[in-house]
Amino acid sequence: MELQFEGDDLKSVLNRLRRAQGQISGVIKMIEEGRDCEDVVTQLAAASRALDRAGFAIIATGLQQCLTDVDQGRRDGETTAQMKARLEKLFLSLA
């Protein structure tokens, strides 16, 4: 299944990923500069949250598209149980 984003969904995911990218760059710079541990950890936690939110948005879109494919009978030979197991594994990878 090819993941497809539209309009605001695409913009939201890209913004979250760009935010995380900027925060990770900030963490690297802070470490290189020998900044305070608490500041580094705070920035790292913010980057982690941004990645989590982007990941959950991607999974939500994937679930929606998978359910649409099932409703339309386009499962490429995959059983419902197989699809459920695959999607559950994806979801748990972010937990």
C-alpha atoms as a PDB file:
ATOM      1  CA  MET A   1       0.000   0.000   0.000  1.00  0.00           C
ATOM      2  CA  GLU A   2       1.381   3.369  -0.963  1.00  0.00           C
ATOM      3  CA  LEU A   3       0.868   6.034   1.681  1.00  0.00           C
ATOM      4  CA  GLN A   4      -0.789   9.120   0.259  1.00  0.00           C
ATOM      5  CA  PHE A   5      -1.265  12.409   2.060  1.00  0.00           C
ATOM      6  CA  GLU A   6      -3.484  15.218   0.908  1.00  0.00           C
ATOM      7  CA  GLY A   7      -3.540  18.945   1.580  1.00  0.00           C
ATOM      8  CA  ASP A   8      -3.537  19.812   5.264  1.00  0.00           C
ATOM      9  CA  ASP A   9      -2.504  16.294   6.331  1.00  0.00           C
ATOM     10  CA  LEU A  10       0.645  16.478   4.218  1.00  0.00           C
ATOM     11  CA  LYS A  11       1.440  19.986   5.424  1.00  0.00           C
ATOM     12  CA  SER A  12       0.945  18.986   9.074  1.00  0.00           C
ATOM     13  CA  VAL A  13       3.194  15.921   8.876  1.00  0.00           C
ATOM     14  CA  LEU A  14       5.924  17.784   7.001  1.00  0.00           C
ATOM     15  CA  ASN A  15       5.795  20.652   9.507  1.00  0.00           C
ATOM     16  CA  ARG A  16       6.144  18.236  12.429  1.00  0.00           C
ATOM     17  CA  LEU A  17       9.076  16.477  10.769  1.00  0.00           C
ATOM     18  CA  ARG A  18      10.777  19.778   9.963  1.00  0.00           C
ATOM     19  CA  ARG A  19      10.268  20.925  13.548  1.00  0.00           C
ATOM     20  CA  ALA A  20      11.864  17.710  14.808  1.00  0.00           C
ATOM     21  CA  GLN A  21      14.721  18.136  12.345  1.00  0.00           C
ATOM     22  CA  GLY A  22      15.373  21.643  13.652  1.00  0.00           C
ATOM     23  CA  GLN A  23      15.198  20.474  17.249  1.00  0.00           C
ATOM     24  CA  ILE A  24      17.642  17.639  16.587  1.00  0.00           C
ATOM     25  CA  SER A  25      20.019  20.092  14.907  1.00  0.00           C
ATOM     26  CA  GLY A  26      19.668  22.231  18.013  1.00  0.00           C
ATOM     27  CA  VAL A  27      20.515  19.290  20.254  1.00  0.00           C
ATOM     28  CA  ILE A  28      23.640  18.538  18.227  1.00  0.00           C
ATOM     29  CA  LYS A  29      24.743  22.159  18.421  1.00  0.00           C
ATOM     30  CA  MET A  30      24.050  22.282  22.168  1.00  0.00           C
ATOM     31  CA  ILE A  31      26.169  19.167  22.752  1.00  0.00           C
ATOM     32  CA  GLU A  32      28.987  20.553  20.601  1.00  0.00           C
ATOM     33  CA  GLU A  33      28.894  23.773  22.630  1.00  0.00           C
ATOM     34  CA  GLY A  34      28.916  21.921  25.940  1.00  0.00           C
ATOM     35  CA  ARG A  35      25.545  23.303  27.041  1.00  0.00           C
ATOM     36  CA  ASP A  36      23.790  22.408  30.285  1.00  0.00           C
ATOM     37  CA  CYS A  37      22.555  18.807  30.478  1.00  0.00           C
ATOM     38  CA  GLU A  38      19.033  19.838  31.507  1.00  0.00           C
ATOM     39  CA  ASP A  39      18.700  22.139  28.484  1.00  0.00           C
ATOM     40  CA  VAL A  40      19.926  19.392  26.143  1.00  0.00           C
ATOM     41  CA  VAL A  41      17.512  16.824  27.586  1.00  0.00           C
ATOM     42  CA  THR A  42      14.604  19.292  27.377  1.00  0.00           C
ATOM     43  CA  GLN A  43      15.352  19.964  23.700  1.00  0.00           C
ATOM     44  CA  LEU A  44      15.786  16.254  23.014  1.00  0.00           C
ATOM     45  CA  ALA A  45      12.410  15.510  24.628  1.00  0.00           C
ATOM     46  CA  ALA A  46      10.772  18.146  22.415  1.00  0.00           C
ATOM     47  CA  ALA A  47      12.301  16.526  19.323  1.00  0.00           C
ATOM     48  CA  SER A  48      11.069  13.130  20.463  1.00  0.00           C
ATOM     49  CA  ARG A  49       7.521  14.440  20.942  1.00  0.00           C
ATOM     50  CA  ALA A  50       7.551  16.040  17.483  1.00  0.00           C
ATOM     51  CA  LEU A  51       8.660  12.741  15.924  1.00  0.00           C
ATOM     52  CA  ASP A  52       6.014  10.825  17.882  1.00  0.00           C
ATOM     53  CA  ARG A  53       3.277  13.162  16.698  1.00  0.00           C
ATOM     54  CA  ALA A  54       4.423  12.899  13.092  1.00  0.00           C
ATOM     55  CA  GLY A  55       4.574   9.118  13.415  1.00  0.00           C
ATOM     56  CA  PHE A  56       1.081   8.888  14.854  1.00  0.00           C
ATOM     57  CA  ALA A  57      -0.258  11.126  12.066  1.00  0.00           C
ATOM     58  CA  ILE A  58       1.400   8.871   9.487  1.00  0.00           C
ATOM     59  CA  ILE A  59      -0.030   5.743  11.109  1.00  0.00           C
ATOM     60  CA  ALA A  60      -3.502   7.288  11.360  1.00  0.00           C
ATOM     61  CA  THR A  61      -3.414   8.093   7.655  1.00  0.00           C
ATOM     62  CA  GLY A  62      -2.165   4.591   6.895  1.00  0.00           C
ATOM     63  CA  LEU A  63      -4.944   3.023   8.950  1.00  0.00           C
ATOM     64  CA  GLN A  64      -7.537   5.134   7.218  1.00  0.00           C
ATOM     65  CA  GLN A  65      -6.210   4.139   3.804  1.00  0.00           C
ATOM     66  CA  CYS A  66      -6.006   0.452   4.764  1.00  0.00           C
ATOM     67  CA  LEU A  67      -9.601   0.499   5.962  1.00  0.00           C
ATOM     68  CA  THR A  68     -10.654   2.173   2.723  1.00  0.00           C
ATOM     69  CA  ASP A  69      -8.802  -0.509   0.744  1.00  0.00           C
ATOM     70  CA  VAL A  70     -10.587  -3.255   2.722  1.00  0.00           C
ATOM     71  CA  ASP A  71     -13.952  -1.614   2.145  1.00  0.00           C
ATOM     72  CA  GLN A  72     -13.203  -1.521  -1.569  1.00  0.00           C
ATOM     73  CA  GLY A  73     -12.019  -5.136  -1.567  1.00  0.00           C
ATOM     74  CA  ARG A  74      -8.420  -4.299  -2.566  1.00  0.00           C
ATOM     75  CA  ARG A  75      -6.230  -6.223  -0.150  1.00  0.00           C
ATOM     76  CA  ASP A  76      -3.708  -7.692  -2.612  1.00  0.00           C
ATOM     77  CA  GLY A  77      -4.332 -11.181  -1.251  1.00  0.00           C
ATOM     78  CA  GLU A  78      -3.761 -10.123   2.347  1.00  0.00           C
ATOM     79  CA  THR A  79      -6.256 -11.481   4.860  1.00  0.00           C
ATOM     80  CA  THR A  80      -7.912  -9.178   7.341  1.00  0.00           C
ATOM     81  CA  ALA A  81      -5.993 -10.882  10.157  1.00  0.00           C
ATOM     82  CA  GLN A  82      -2.680 -10.341   8.353  1.00  0.00           C
ATOM     83  CA  MET A  83      -3.478  -6.696   7.734  1.00  0.00           C
ATOM     84  CA  LYS A  84      -4.501  -6.243  11.373  1.00  0.00           C
ATOM     85  CA  ALA A  85      -1.269  -7.833  12.600  1.00  0.00           C
ATOM     86  CA  ARG A  86       0.827  -5.670  10.273  1.00  0.00           C
ATOM     87  CA  LEU A  87      -0.927  -2.467  11.333  1.00  0.00           C
ATOM     88  CA  GLU A  88      -0.713  -3.404  15.004  1.00  0.00           C
ATOM     89  CA  LYS A  89       3.033  -3.951  14.623  1.00  0.00           C
ATOM     90  CA  LEU A  90       3.382  -0.520  12.994  1.00  0.00           C
ATOM     91  CA  PHE A  91       1.386   1.156  15.737  1.00  0.00           C
ATOM     92  CA  LEU A  92       3.347  -0.550  18.517  1.00  0.00           C
ATOM     93  CA  SER A  93       6.644   0.473  16.922  1.00  0.00           C
ATOM     94  CA  LEU A  94       5.878   4.026  18.105  1.00  0.00           C
ATOM     95  CA  ALA A  95       4.646   3.058  21.559  1.00  0.00           C
END
